[in-house]
Every structure is written in C-alpha cells, then in structure tokens.
N, C-alpha and C. Protein backbone atom coordinates (compact mmCIF):
# COMPACT_ATOMS: atom_id res chain seq x y z
N MET A 1 132.66 51.77 133.37
CA MET A 1 133.13 50.75 132.47
C MET A 1 131.97 49.87 132.26
N VAL A 2 131.83 49.62 130.95
CA VAL A 2 130.69 48.65 130.52
C VAL A 2 131.30 47.20 130.31
N THR A 3 130.67 46.34 130.99
CA THR A 3 131.03 44.92 130.78
C THR A 3 130.07 44.17 129.74
N GLU A 4 130.83 43.50 128.79
CA GLU A 4 129.85 42.79 127.77
C GLU A 4 129.55 41.53 128.23
N ALA A 5 128.35 41.20 127.87
CA ALA A 5 127.79 39.87 128.49
C ALA A 5 128.56 38.75 127.71
N ALA A 6 128.57 37.73 128.19
CA ALA A 6 129.26 36.61 127.51
C ALA A 6 128.35 36.37 126.31
N ALA A 7 129.03 36.16 125.21
CA ALA A 7 128.34 35.73 123.87
C ALA A 7 127.66 34.26 123.99
N ARG A 8 126.44 34.17 123.79
CA ARG A 8 125.98 32.86 123.70
C ARG A 8 126.32 32.16 122.49
N PRO A 9 126.47 30.80 122.50
CA PRO A 9 126.93 30.01 121.47
C PRO A 9 125.81 30.16 120.24
N PRO A 10 126.13 30.21 119.12
CA PRO A 10 125.00 30.20 118.14
C PRO A 10 124.25 28.94 118.05
N LYS A 11 122.91 29.11 117.72
CA LYS A 11 122.00 28.02 117.61
C LYS A 11 122.56 27.10 116.41
N PRO A 12 122.52 25.89 116.50
CA PRO A 12 123.00 24.87 115.61
C PRO A 12 122.08 25.12 114.29
N LEU A 13 122.75 25.50 113.20
CA LEU A 13 122.01 25.41 111.88
C LEU A 13 122.34 24.14 111.26
N TYR A 14 121.42 23.39 110.83
CA TYR A 14 121.52 22.04 110.04
C TYR A 14 121.34 22.44 108.67
N SER A 15 122.02 21.58 107.92
CA SER A 15 121.91 21.71 106.55
C SER A 15 120.62 21.25 105.92
N ASN A 16 120.08 21.77 104.83
CA ASN A 16 118.82 21.33 104.35
C ASN A 16 119.00 19.90 103.74
N VAL A 17 120.11 19.40 103.60
CA VAL A 17 120.40 18.05 103.08
C VAL A 17 120.94 17.28 104.20
N SER A 18 120.43 16.17 104.43
CA SER A 18 120.87 15.13 105.63
C SER A 18 121.10 13.84 105.05
N PRO A 19 122.35 13.22 105.08
CA PRO A 19 122.47 11.88 104.56
C PRO A 19 121.63 10.89 105.32
N ALA A 20 121.27 11.24 106.64
CA ALA A 20 120.41 10.30 107.49
C ALA A 20 119.03 10.47 107.21
N VAL A 21 118.55 11.60 106.94
CA VAL A 21 117.11 11.83 106.60
C VAL A 21 116.86 12.67 105.42
N PRO A 22 116.84 11.93 104.19
CA PRO A 22 116.64 12.81 102.97
C PRO A 22 115.37 13.52 102.97
N SER A 23 115.30 14.65 102.30
CA SER A 23 114.03 15.49 102.28
C SER A 23 113.13 14.75 101.37
N PRO A 24 111.73 14.62 101.76
CA PRO A 24 110.75 14.08 101.19
C PRO A 24 110.22 14.89 99.81
N CYS A 25 110.86 16.19 99.70
CA CYS A 25 110.30 16.92 98.64
C CYS A 25 110.30 16.31 97.22
N THR A 26 109.35 16.55 96.50
CA THR A 26 109.16 15.91 95.19
C THR A 26 109.39 17.04 94.00
N GLY A 27 109.39 18.30 94.57
CA GLY A 27 109.53 19.23 93.55
C GLY A 27 108.15 19.68 92.96
N VAL A 28 106.89 19.17 93.51
CA VAL A 28 105.75 19.62 93.30
C VAL A 28 105.18 20.48 94.43
N CYS A 29 105.41 21.66 94.40
CA CYS A 29 105.17 22.54 95.52
C CYS A 29 104.01 23.27 95.44
N ARG A 30 102.93 22.61 95.88
CA ARG A 30 101.57 23.35 95.80
C ARG A 30 100.79 22.80 96.98
N LEU A 31 100.15 23.88 97.77
CA LEU A 31 99.50 23.53 98.91
C LEU A 31 98.13 23.33 98.75
N ASP A 32 97.44 22.38 99.49
CA ASP A 32 96.01 22.35 99.41
C ASP A 32 95.34 23.27 100.44
N GLU A 33 93.97 23.19 100.54
CA GLU A 33 93.30 24.00 101.40
C GLU A 33 93.62 23.98 102.97
N GLN A 34 94.23 22.86 103.36
CA GLN A 34 94.77 22.55 104.70
C GLN A 34 96.27 22.99 104.87
N LYS A 35 96.86 23.53 103.73
CA LYS A 35 98.24 23.98 103.76
C LYS A 35 99.20 22.91 103.86
N VAL A 36 98.71 21.73 103.22
CA VAL A 36 99.63 20.52 103.04
C VAL A 36 100.02 20.45 101.68
N CYS A 37 101.34 20.24 101.49
CA CYS A 37 101.84 20.07 100.08
C CYS A 37 101.39 18.93 99.30
N LEU A 38 100.98 19.16 98.15
CA LEU A 38 100.47 18.13 97.11
C LEU A 38 101.56 17.08 96.95
N GLY A 39 102.87 17.50 96.84
CA GLY A 39 103.88 16.71 96.37
C GLY A 39 104.36 15.88 97.57
N CYS A 40 104.78 16.38 98.75
CA CYS A 40 105.43 15.72 99.71
C CYS A 40 104.45 15.33 100.84
N ALA A 41 103.40 15.99 100.95
CA ALA A 41 102.41 15.91 102.03
C ALA A 41 102.85 16.46 103.39
N ARG A 42 103.91 17.27 103.39
CA ARG A 42 104.19 17.87 104.55
C ARG A 42 103.25 19.15 104.70
N HIS A 43 103.09 19.56 106.00
CA HIS A 43 102.35 20.81 106.19
C HIS A 43 103.29 21.92 106.12
N VAL A 44 102.83 23.16 105.67
CA VAL A 44 103.58 24.25 105.49
C VAL A 44 104.55 24.66 106.75
N GLU A 45 104.02 24.33 107.80
CA GLU A 45 105.06 24.64 109.02
C GLU A 45 106.01 23.54 109.16
N ASP A 46 105.78 22.46 108.65
CA ASP A 46 106.98 21.44 108.61
C ASP A 46 107.89 21.68 107.66
N ILE A 47 107.59 22.18 106.49
CA ILE A 47 108.42 22.63 105.40
C ILE A 47 109.21 23.63 105.91
N ARG A 48 108.72 24.67 106.59
CA ARG A 48 109.31 25.69 107.18
C ARG A 48 110.55 25.33 108.09
N GLU A 49 110.06 24.44 109.07
CA GLU A 49 110.85 23.96 110.10
C GLU A 49 112.04 23.04 109.60
N TRP A 50 111.91 22.38 108.42
CA TRP A 50 112.89 21.42 107.89
C TRP A 50 114.35 21.79 108.04
N ARG A 51 114.54 23.10 107.63
CA ARG A 51 115.96 23.66 107.62
C ARG A 51 116.62 23.48 108.82
N SER A 52 116.01 23.93 109.92
CA SER A 52 116.60 24.09 111.33
C SER A 52 116.33 22.60 112.01
N ALA A 53 115.53 21.65 111.56
CA ALA A 53 115.22 20.55 112.48
C ALA A 53 116.48 19.55 112.36
N ASP A 54 116.58 18.92 113.66
CA ASP A 54 117.61 17.92 113.62
C ASP A 54 117.03 16.54 113.07
N ASP A 55 117.91 15.55 112.91
CA ASP A 55 117.44 14.40 112.16
C ASP A 55 116.27 13.73 112.96
N GLN A 56 116.17 13.74 114.28
CA GLN A 56 115.09 13.11 115.03
C GLN A 56 113.94 13.91 114.60
N ARG A 57 113.78 15.18 114.55
CA ARG A 57 112.61 15.82 114.32
C ARG A 57 112.32 15.46 112.83
N ARG A 58 113.28 15.52 111.88
CA ARG A 58 113.09 15.31 110.37
C ARG A 58 112.34 13.80 110.33
N ARG A 59 112.71 12.88 111.08
CA ARG A 59 112.19 11.59 111.02
C ARG A 59 110.64 11.68 111.31
N VAL A 60 110.34 12.52 112.42
CA VAL A 60 108.85 12.73 112.75
C VAL A 60 108.10 13.22 111.66
N ILE A 61 108.71 14.36 111.05
CA ILE A 61 108.05 15.00 109.82
C ILE A 61 107.69 14.19 108.80
N VAL A 62 108.73 13.34 108.43
CA VAL A 62 108.67 12.36 107.39
C VAL A 62 107.51 11.32 107.68
N ALA A 63 107.47 10.92 108.88
CA ALA A 63 106.54 9.82 109.27
C ALA A 63 105.09 10.52 109.19
N GLN A 64 104.84 11.68 109.61
CA GLN A 64 103.71 12.31 109.66
C GLN A 64 103.12 12.50 108.21
N ALA A 65 104.06 13.00 107.37
CA ALA A 65 103.66 13.12 105.85
C ALA A 65 103.44 11.76 105.28
N SER A 66 104.01 10.82 105.61
CA SER A 66 103.78 9.37 105.01
C SER A 66 102.30 9.02 105.55
N GLN A 67 102.02 9.24 106.69
CA GLN A 67 100.65 8.83 107.12
C GLN A 67 99.53 9.79 106.52
N ARG A 68 99.88 11.01 106.22
CA ARG A 68 98.89 11.88 105.46
C ARG A 68 98.73 11.17 104.15
N LYS A 69 99.84 10.82 103.44
CA LYS A 69 99.58 10.15 102.10
C LYS A 69 98.79 9.04 102.12
N LEU A 70 98.93 8.10 103.16
CA LEU A 70 98.22 6.96 103.30
C LEU A 70 96.76 7.28 103.59
N SER A 71 96.52 8.24 104.41
CA SER A 71 95.13 8.66 104.73
C SER A 71 94.40 9.19 103.57
N ASN A 72 95.09 9.83 102.70
CA ASN A 72 94.60 10.44 101.45
C ASN A 72 94.53 9.51 100.25
N GLY A 73 95.05 8.44 100.45
CA GLY A 73 95.07 7.38 99.25
C GLY A 73 95.94 7.62 98.28
N ALA A 74 96.90 8.43 98.65
CA ALA A 74 97.88 8.68 97.44
C ALA A 74 99.02 7.66 97.35
C-alpha cells in the first residue's frame, strides 16, 4: 500500500498589480550594460521577482530603483 505524502500548500502568487505598491514600470523596457531598465531603473532580477514579491519586498525594489535614478541624475 502506497501512502501519499500530505500535499504542501501552494506558494502564494501575488498579482502583478498591487493597490499598495504600484509598479514603477514606465513602458520603456530597455536594459543598460548593468542590466538596469532605462525606464524604471529596476535591475532585471528585480523585474523578474516583481510578480511573486509581496508588498514589503516591492517597496524595497521601488526604493532601490528610486535611488538608482537619483544616482544617475535622471
């Protein structure tokens, strides 16, 4: 007799849209040499992570992108 392992609850999938933390995407999706978007200043890894990130992580991503924009004089 084979006993099935208890099913793990699914990982939470967050919507790409959050009323608490709007996406910084500007629709200008081009990466520079450092793999940072010229439109929103997010790193490519942050863009990939955005869909599954919770609101707290999204706030960190937005803050880092804002800092990049300030550092680059944008």
